[in-house]
C-alpha atoms as a PDB file:
ATOM      1  CA  MET A   1       0.348   0.124   0.093  1.00  0.00           C
ATOM      2  CA  ASP A   2       2.837   2.184   1.258  1.00  0.00           C
ATOM      3  CA  ARG A   3       4.876   1.303  -1.639  1.00  0.00           C
ATOM      4  CA  ASP A   4       1.689   2.162  -4.053  1.00  0.00           C
ATOM      5  CA  ARG A   5       1.334   6.074  -2.579  1.00  0.00           C
ATOM      6  CA  LYS A   6       4.582   6.526  -3.176  1.00  0.00           C
ATOM      7  CA  ARG A   7       4.718   5.744  -6.515  1.00  0.00           C
ATOM      8  CA  GLU A   8       1.351   7.678  -7.416  1.00  0.00           C
ATOM      9  CA  ALA A   9       3.639  10.623  -5.391  1.00  0.00           C
ATOM     10  CA  TRP A  10       7.302  10.206  -7.433  1.00  0.00           C
ATOM     11  CA  GLU A  11       4.597  10.324 -10.810  1.00  0.00           C
ATOM     12  CA  ARG A  12       2.814  13.360 -10.023  1.00  0.00           C
ATOM     13  CA  ASP A  13       5.354  15.349  -9.183  1.00  0.00           C
ATOM     14  CA  LEU A  14       7.543  13.876 -12.435  1.00  0.00           C
ATOM     15  CA  GLU A  15       4.092  15.200 -13.920  1.00  0.00           C
ATOM     16  CA  ALA A  16       4.530  19.006 -12.764  1.00  0.00           C
ATOM     17  CA  ARG A  17       7.813  18.856 -13.435  1.00  0.00           C
ATOM     18  CA  GLN A  18       7.367  18.186 -17.334  1.00  0.00           C
ATOM     19  CA  ARG A  19       4.963  20.585 -17.404  1.00  0.00           C
ATOM     20  CA  ASN A  20       6.224  23.970 -17.788  1.00  0.00           C
ATOM     21  CA  ILE A  21       3.390  25.327 -19.616  1.00  0.00           C
ATOM     22  CA  VAL A  22       1.702  28.343 -17.893  1.00  0.00           C
ATOM     23  CA  PHE A  23       3.091  30.494 -15.748  1.00  0.00           C
ATOM     24  CA  PRO A  24       3.039  28.932 -11.959  1.00  0.00           C
ATOM     25  CA  ASP A  25       4.467  25.878 -12.966  1.00  0.00           C
ATOM     26  CA  THR A  26       7.376  27.281 -14.660  1.00  0.00           C
ATOM     27  CA  ALA A  27       7.867  29.423 -11.517  1.00  0.00           C
ATOM     28  CA  ALA A  28       7.117  26.376  -9.926  1.00  0.00           C
ATOM     29  CA  ASN A  29      10.123  24.464 -11.714  1.00  0.00           C
ATOM     30  CA  GLU A  30      12.674  26.942 -11.843  1.00  0.00           C
ATOM     31  CA  ALA A  31      12.205  27.239  -8.175  1.00  0.00           C
ATOM     32  CA  ARG A  32      13.589  23.623  -8.240  1.00  0.00           C
ATOM     33  CA  PHE A  33      15.777  24.111 -10.307  1.00  0.00           C
ATOM     34  CA  TRP A  34      18.018  27.143  -8.159  1.00  0.00           C
ATOM     35  CA  ARG A  35      16.831  24.836  -5.604  1.00  0.00           C
ATOM     36  CA  ASN A  36      19.156  21.474  -6.618  1.00  0.00           C
ATOM     37  CA  LEU A  37      21.947  23.461  -7.972  1.00  0.00           C
ATOM     38  CA  THR A  38      21.732  25.497  -4.245  1.00  0.00           C
ATOM     39  CA  ASN A  39      21.763  22.186  -2.191  1.00  0.00           C
ATOM     40  CA  GLY A  40      24.072  20.016  -5.056  1.00  0.00           C
ATOM     41  CA  LYS A  41      21.710  17.448  -5.580  1.00  0.00           C
ATOM     42  CA  LEU A  42      22.296  17.829  -8.679  1.00  0.00           C
ATOM     43  CA  ARG A  43      24.400  15.229 -10.853  1.00  0.00           C
ATOM     44  CA  THR A  44      27.701  17.245 -13.124  1.00  0.00           C
ATOM     45  CA  THR A  45      28.897  15.249 -16.090  1.00  0.00           C
ATOM     46  CA  SER A  46      31.891  14.889 -17.171  1.00  0.00           C
ATOM     47  CA  ALA A  47      29.629  17.034 -20.192  1.00  0.00           C
ATOM     48  CA  THR A  48      28.255  19.399 -18.327  1.00  0.00           C
ATOM     49  CA  ILE A  49      31.759  20.436 -16.620  1.00  0.00           C
ATOM     50  CA  ILE A  50      32.744  20.791 -20.312  1.00  0.00           C
ATOM     51  CA  TYR A  51      29.011  22.810 -21.574  1.00  0.00           C
ATOM     52  CA  LEU A  52      30.245  25.233 -18.038  1.00  0.00           C
ATOM     53  CA  THR A  53      33.676  25.318 -18.849  1.00  0.00           C
ATOM     54  CA  ILE A  54      33.520  26.090 -22.839  1.00  0.00           C
ATOM     55  CA  VAL A  55      30.535  29.214 -21.720  1.00  0.00           C
ATOM     56  CA  GLY A  56      32.648  30.919 -18.977  1.00  0.00           C
ATOM     57  CA  LEU A  57      36.051  30.412 -21.489  1.00  0.00           C
ATOM     58  CA  THR A  58      33.433  32.270 -24.091  1.00  0.00           C
ATOM     59  CA  ALA A  59      32.236  35.012 -21.271  1.00  0.00           C
ATOM     60  CA  VAL A  60      36.064  35.837 -20.353  1.00  0.00           C
ATOM     61  CA  GLY A  61      37.466  36.498 -24.239  1.00  0.00           C
ATOM     62  CA  VAL A  62      34.281  38.015 -24.619  1.00  0.00           C
ATOM     63  CA  ILE A  63      35.392  40.315 -21.958  1.00  0.00           C
ATOM     64  CA  GLY A  64      39.027  40.373 -22.361  1.00  0.00           C
ATOM     65  CA  MET A  65      37.867  41.440 -26.006  1.00  0.00           C
ATOM     66  CA  LEU A  66      36.104  44.294 -24.624  1.00  0.00           C
ATOM     67  CA  VAL A  67      37.708  45.734 -22.679  1.00  0.00           C
ATOM     68  CA  SER A  68      41.372  45.320 -24.784  1.00  0.00           C
ATOM     69  CA  GLN A  69      39.173  47.012 -27.753  1.00  0.00           C
ATOM     70  CA  LEU A  70      37.809  50.345 -25.267  1.00  0.00           C
ATOM     71  CA  TYR A  71      41.750  50.724 -23.896  1.00  0.00           C
ATOM     72  CA  GLU A  72      43.473  50.020 -28.094  1.00  0.00           C
ATOM     73  CA  LEU A  73      40.087  53.529 -28.619  1.00  0.00           C
ATOM     74  CA  ARG A  74      42.649  55.223 -25.040  1.00  0.00           C
ATOM     75  CA  ARG A  75      46.054  55.082 -26.883  1.00  0.00           C
ATOM     76  CA  ALA A  76      44.437  56.641 -29.746  1.00  0.00           C
ATOM     77  CA  GLY A  77      43.630  58.945 -27.696  1.00  0.00           C
ATOM     78  CA  LEU A  78      39.527  59.647 -27.757  1.00  0.00           C
ATOM     79  CA  PRO A  79      37.615  60.286 -24.699  1.00  0.00           C
ATOM     80  CA  TRP A  80      35.935  57.620 -23.386  1.00  0.00           C
ATOM     81  CA  ARG A  81      32.115  58.783 -24.662  1.00  0.00           C
ATOM     82  CA  GLN A  82      33.742  58.297 -28.149  1.00  0.00           C
ATOM     83  CA  ARG A  83      34.970  54.872 -27.272  1.00  0.00           C
ATOM     84  CA  ILE A  84      32.451  53.825 -25.692  1.00  0.00           C
ATOM     85  CA  VAL A  85      30.357  54.911 -28.683  1.00  0.00           C
ATOM     86  CA  GLU A  86      32.738  53.548 -30.893  1.00  0.00           C
ATOM     87  CA  VAL A  87      33.083  50.065 -29.627  1.00  0.00           C
ATOM     88  CA  ALA A  88      29.090  49.672 -29.206  1.00  0.00           C
ATOM     89  CA  ALA A  89      28.513  49.749 -32.393  1.00  0.00           C
ATOM     90  CA  GLU A  90      30.818  47.278 -33.460  1.00  0.00           C
ATOM     91  CA  TRP A  91      28.378  44.739 -31.553  1.00  0.00           C
ATOM     92  CA  VAL A  92      25.469  45.992 -32.083  1.00  0.00           C
ATOM     93  CA  VAL A  93      26.720  45.534 -36.299  1.00  0.00           C
ATOM     94  CA  GLY A  94      27.801  41.992 -35.109  1.00  0.00           C
ATOM     95  CA  LEU A  95      25.873  41.350 -33.526  1.00  0.00           C
ATOM     96  CA  ALA A  96      22.560  42.237 -36.143  1.00  0.00           C
ATOM     97  CA  PHE A  97      25.072  40.503 -38.814  1.00  0.00           C
ATOM     98  CA  ALA A  98      24.372  37.419 -36.588  1.00  0.00           C
ATOM     99  CA  GLY A  99      20.343  37.637 -35.420  1.00  0.00           C
ATOM    100  CA  GLY A 100      19.923  37.400 -39.271  1.00  0.00           C
ATOM    101  CA  LEU A 101      21.842  35.316 -39.998  1.00  0.00           C
ATOM    102  CA  LEU A 102      20.041  32.757 -37.312  1.00  0.00           C
ATOM    103  CA  LEU A 103      16.854  33.930 -38.754  1.00  0.00           C
ATOM    104  CA  LEU A 104      17.674  33.041 -42.504  1.00  0.00           C
ATOM    105  CA  ILE A 105      19.080  29.656 -40.410  1.00  0.00           C
ATOM    106  CA  LYS A 106      15.899  29.477 -39.081  1.00  0.00           C
ATOM    107  CA  TRP A 107      12.889  30.743 -41.949  1.00  0.00           C
ATOM    108  CA  LYS A 108      15.214  28.313 -44.773  1.00  0.00           C
ATOM    109  CA  ALA A 109      14.211  25.492 -41.482  1.00  0.00           C
ATOM    110  CA  SER A 110      10.526  25.669 -41.581  1.00  0.00           C
ATOM    111  CA  GLN A 111      10.687  26.559 -45.938  1.00  0.00           C
ATOM    112  CA  ILE A 112      12.402  22.442 -45.882  1.00  0.00           C
ATOM    113  CA  GLY A 113       9.953  21.501 -42.576  1.00  0.00           C
ATOM    114  CA  GLY A 114       7.008  22.733 -44.888  1.00  0.00           C
ATOM    115  CA  GLY A 115       6.492  24.923 -41.707  1.00  0.00           C
ATOM    116  CA  ARG A 116       5.191  21.437 -40.085  1.00  0.00           C
ATOM    117  CA  SER A 117       5.324  20.927 -35.583  1.00  0.00           C
ATOM    118  CA  ARG A 118       6.799  17.769 -34.593  1.00  0.00           C
ATOM    119  CA  LYS A 119       3.975  16.778 -32.535  1.00  0.00           C
ATOM    120  CA  GLU A 120       1.566  16.255 -35.816  1.00  0.00           C
END
């Protein structure tokens, strides 16, 4: 009897974790994620460690690029406002180009897939 209740509770919990459509469900799932993360209950696999290392190195690289660009413009004798505007303009153009490529890929993928969803 107790075994059946535990199984039913486990199934309800599993269903609740997979249902992530409306606000209360998304908030509960996010709260569970952060609680598990801070308590150390999440298992870290080698793939997770590699992924987090790549993300961390990417963040350090981006920050390093920004600092080096600002430093180079400082050496050129430009005022700080103009330096920030020039660096920001380069990044906006680069991100707009990358975003355009992603939108193009999404559009092409929808053309190839014929607009069908996976559930059909």
